[in-house]
Amino acid sequence: MEQLIEAGYCPNCKTFIRGILNSGPSPITDLRFCPNCGVQVWMKCNCGRHLRYDDPVCTSCGNENPIYLKQG
């Protein structure tokens, strides 16, 4: 699965989402989703740090990432 993420693909539906993974969360909602399957790929931690779905924990506060590799 890590190879899919590194290559820029959604591990859930295998859609190429490099642009979405590189863009970060939406400045309006602090979220971002795969446009094909809807799996959440970005969020904002309670401490304010942006988390991608392949980050197991927040590097700022140490909290678990609630969207860590969740599949739809």
N, C-alpha and C. Protein backbone atom coordinates (compact mmCIF):
# COMPACT_ATOMS: atom_id res chain seq x y z
N MET A 1 0.82 -1.19 0.00
CA MET A 1 0.00 0.00 0.00
C MET A 1 0.86 1.26 0.00
N GLU A 2 1.99 1.23 0.70
CA GLU A 2 2.87 2.40 0.74
C GLU A 2 3.35 2.79 -0.65
N GLN A 3 3.59 1.81 -1.51
CA GLN A 3 4.05 2.10 -2.87
C GLN A 3 2.97 2.86 -3.65
N LEU A 4 1.71 2.49 -3.44
CA LEU A 4 0.62 3.21 -4.11
C LEU A 4 0.59 4.67 -3.68
N ILE A 5 0.72 4.91 -2.39
CA ILE A 5 0.69 6.27 -1.87
C ILE A 5 1.88 7.07 -2.38
N GLU A 6 3.08 6.48 -2.33
CA GLU A 6 4.28 7.16 -2.81
C GLU A 6 4.17 7.49 -4.30
N ALA A 7 3.50 6.64 -5.06
CA ALA A 7 3.32 6.87 -6.49
C ALA A 7 2.19 7.86 -6.79
N GLY A 8 1.42 8.24 -5.76
CA GLY A 8 0.37 9.23 -5.93
C GLY A 8 -1.00 8.66 -6.21
N TYR A 9 -1.23 7.40 -5.84
CA TYR A 9 -2.52 6.75 -6.08
C TYR A 9 -3.29 6.57 -4.78
N CYS A 10 -4.61 6.63 -4.88
CA CYS A 10 -5.48 6.35 -3.75
C CYS A 10 -5.39 4.85 -3.46
N PRO A 11 -5.07 4.44 -2.23
CA PRO A 11 -4.98 3.01 -1.94
C PRO A 11 -6.34 2.31 -1.93
N ASN A 12 -7.40 3.10 -1.88
CA ASN A 12 -8.74 2.53 -1.85
C ASN A 12 -9.23 2.18 -3.26
N CYS A 13 -9.16 3.14 -4.20
CA CYS A 13 -9.71 2.92 -5.54
C CYS A 13 -8.65 2.93 -6.64
N LYS A 14 -7.40 3.21 -6.29
CA LYS A 14 -6.27 3.22 -7.22
C LYS A 14 -6.31 4.36 -8.24
N THR A 15 -7.07 5.42 -7.96
CA THR A 15 -7.11 6.59 -8.82
C THR A 15 -5.87 7.44 -8.57
N PHE A 16 -5.30 8.02 -9.62
CA PHE A 16 -4.14 8.89 -9.48
C PHE A 16 -4.59 10.20 -8.84
N ILE A 17 -4.07 10.51 -7.64
CA ILE A 17 -4.48 11.71 -6.90
C ILE A 17 -3.27 12.53 -6.43
N ARG A 18 -2.18 12.48 -7.16
CA ARG A 18 -0.96 13.21 -6.75
C ARG A 18 -1.26 14.67 -6.46
N GLY A 19 -2.03 15.34 -7.30
CA GLY A 19 -2.34 16.76 -7.09
C GLY A 19 -3.06 17.01 -5.79
N ILE A 20 -3.99 16.14 -5.45
CA ILE A 20 -4.75 16.28 -4.21
C ILE A 20 -3.85 16.01 -3.01
N LEU A 21 -2.99 15.00 -3.11
CA LEU A 21 -2.08 14.69 -2.00
C LEU A 21 -1.09 15.82 -1.78
N ASN A 22 -0.68 16.50 -2.85
CA ASN A 22 0.28 17.59 -2.74
C ASN A 22 -0.36 18.92 -2.36
N SER A 23 -1.67 19.05 -2.52
CA SER A 23 -2.32 20.34 -2.30
C SER A 23 -2.65 20.64 -0.85
N GLY A 24 -2.70 19.63 -0.01
CA GLY A 24 -3.05 19.85 1.39
C GLY A 24 -4.55 19.98 1.57
N PRO A 25 -5.00 20.18 2.81
CA PRO A 25 -6.44 20.29 3.05
C PRO A 25 -7.00 21.58 2.44
N SER A 26 -8.28 21.57 2.20
CA SER A 26 -8.96 22.75 1.67
C SER A 26 -8.81 23.90 2.66
N PRO A 27 -8.51 25.10 2.18
CA PRO A 27 -8.40 26.24 3.10
C PRO A 27 -9.75 26.62 3.72
N ILE A 28 -10.84 26.14 3.15
CA ILE A 28 -12.17 26.47 3.66
C ILE A 28 -12.63 25.43 4.68
N THR A 29 -12.47 24.14 4.36
CA THR A 29 -13.01 23.09 5.22
C THR A 29 -11.96 22.35 6.04
N ASP A 30 -10.67 22.52 5.73
CA ASP A 30 -9.57 21.78 6.36
C ASP A 30 -9.65 20.28 6.08
N LEU A 31 -10.37 19.89 5.04
CA LEU A 31 -10.51 18.49 4.64
C LEU A 31 -10.18 18.37 3.15
N ARG A 32 -9.92 17.15 2.69
CA ARG A 32 -9.77 16.88 1.26
C ARG A 32 -10.06 15.41 1.05
N PHE A 33 -10.72 15.08 -0.05
CA PHE A 33 -11.16 13.72 -0.33
C PHE A 33 -10.73 13.28 -1.72
N CYS A 34 -10.62 11.96 -1.92
CA CYS A 34 -10.39 11.41 -3.25
C CYS A 34 -11.61 11.73 -4.09
N PRO A 35 -11.43 12.32 -5.28
CA PRO A 35 -12.59 12.69 -6.10
C PRO A 35 -13.32 11.48 -6.69
N ASN A 36 -12.69 10.33 -6.70
CA ASN A 36 -13.31 9.15 -7.29
C ASN A 36 -14.12 8.35 -6.26
N CYS A 37 -13.51 7.99 -5.13
CA CYS A 37 -14.20 7.12 -4.17
C CYS A 37 -14.65 7.85 -2.90
N GLY A 38 -14.16 9.06 -2.67
CA GLY A 38 -14.59 9.85 -1.52
C GLY A 38 -13.84 9.59 -0.23
N VAL A 39 -12.81 8.73 -0.26
CA VAL A 39 -12.05 8.49 0.97
C VAL A 39 -11.32 9.79 1.37
N GLN A 40 -11.33 10.10 2.66
CA GLN A 40 -10.70 11.33 3.15
C GLN A 40 -9.19 11.16 3.11
N VAL A 41 -8.49 12.14 2.52
CA VAL A 41 -7.04 12.06 2.41
C VAL A 41 -6.30 13.17 3.16
N TRP A 42 -6.99 14.22 3.57
CA TRP A 42 -6.41 15.31 4.36
C TRP A 42 -7.37 15.74 5.45
N MET A 43 -6.82 16.17 6.56
CA MET A 43 -7.60 16.75 7.65
C MET A 43 -6.70 17.68 8.45
N LYS A 44 -7.27 18.36 9.40
CA LYS A 44 -6.51 19.22 10.29
C LYS A 44 -6.67 18.70 11.70
N CYS A 45 -5.56 18.45 12.37
CA CYS A 45 -5.56 17.96 13.74
C CYS A 45 -6.09 19.05 14.67
N ASN A 46 -6.52 18.65 15.85
CA ASN A 46 -6.98 19.62 16.86
C ASN A 46 -5.92 20.64 17.21
N CYS A 47 -4.65 20.25 17.09
CA CYS A 47 -3.56 21.17 17.42
C CYS A 47 -3.26 22.14 16.27
N GLY A 48 -3.88 21.91 15.11
CA GLY A 48 -3.69 22.81 13.97
C GLY A 48 -2.80 22.26 12.87
N ARG A 49 -2.13 21.18 13.11
CA ARG A 49 -1.24 20.60 12.10
C ARG A 49 -2.06 19.85 11.05
N HIS A 50 -1.65 19.95 9.79
CA HIS A 50 -2.31 19.24 8.71
C HIS A 50 -1.82 17.80 8.69
N LEU A 51 -2.76 16.86 8.58
CA LEU A 51 -2.45 15.43 8.55
C LEU A 51 -2.94 14.83 7.25
N ARG A 52 -2.08 14.03 6.63
CA ARG A 52 -2.48 13.26 5.46
C ARG A 52 -2.86 11.87 5.92
N TYR A 53 -3.61 11.14 5.14
CA TYR A 53 -4.11 9.85 5.58
C TYR A 53 -3.04 8.78 5.71
N ASP A 54 -1.80 9.09 5.33
CA ASP A 54 -0.71 8.13 5.54
C ASP A 54 0.18 8.53 6.72
N ASP A 55 -0.23 9.53 7.50
CA ASP A 55 0.46 9.91 8.73
C ASP A 55 -0.18 9.17 9.91
N PRO A 56 0.52 8.24 10.55
CA PRO A 56 -0.11 7.47 11.64
C PRO A 56 -0.45 8.32 12.86
N VAL A 57 0.40 9.29 13.18
CA VAL A 57 0.16 10.17 14.32
C VAL A 57 0.56 11.59 13.95
N CYS A 58 0.05 12.53 14.69
CA CYS A 58 0.43 13.94 14.51
C CYS A 58 1.83 14.14 15.07
N THR A 59 2.70 14.72 14.28
CA THR A 59 4.08 14.93 14.74
C THR A 59 4.19 16.12 15.70
N SER A 60 3.15 16.92 15.80
CA SER A 60 3.17 18.05 16.73
C SER A 60 2.70 17.68 18.13
N CYS A 61 1.56 16.99 18.22
CA CYS A 61 0.98 16.70 19.53
C CYS A 61 1.00 15.21 19.90
N GLY A 62 1.26 14.34 18.93
CA GLY A 62 1.33 12.91 19.20
C GLY A 62 0.00 12.18 19.18
N ASN A 63 -1.10 12.91 18.90
CA ASN A 63 -2.41 12.25 18.81
C ASN A 63 -2.47 11.33 17.60
N GLU A 64 -3.26 10.26 17.73
CA GLU A 64 -3.47 9.36 16.59
C GLU A 64 -4.24 10.08 15.51
N ASN A 65 -3.91 9.76 14.27
CA ASN A 65 -4.60 10.32 13.12
C ASN A 65 -5.88 9.52 12.88
N PRO A 66 -7.06 10.12 13.03
CA PRO A 66 -8.31 9.37 12.89
C PRO A 66 -8.60 8.90 11.47
N ILE A 67 -7.94 9.45 10.45
CA ILE A 67 -8.17 9.01 9.07
C ILE A 67 -7.02 8.15 8.55
N TYR A 68 -6.13 7.71 9.44
CA TYR A 68 -4.96 6.95 9.00
C TYR A 68 -5.36 5.73 8.19
N LEU A 69 -5.13 5.81 6.90
CA LEU A 69 -5.37 4.74 5.93
C LEU A 69 -6.73 4.08 6.04
N LYS A 70 -7.74 4.86 6.36
CA LYS A 70 -9.11 4.35 6.34
C LYS A 70 -9.52 4.17 4.89
N GLN A 71 -10.17 3.08 4.62
CA GLN A 71 -10.64 2.84 3.26
C GLN A 71 -12.15 2.91 3.25
N GLY A 72 -12.68 3.43 2.14
CA GLY A 72 -14.12 3.64 2.03
C GLY A 72 -14.92 2.39 1.86
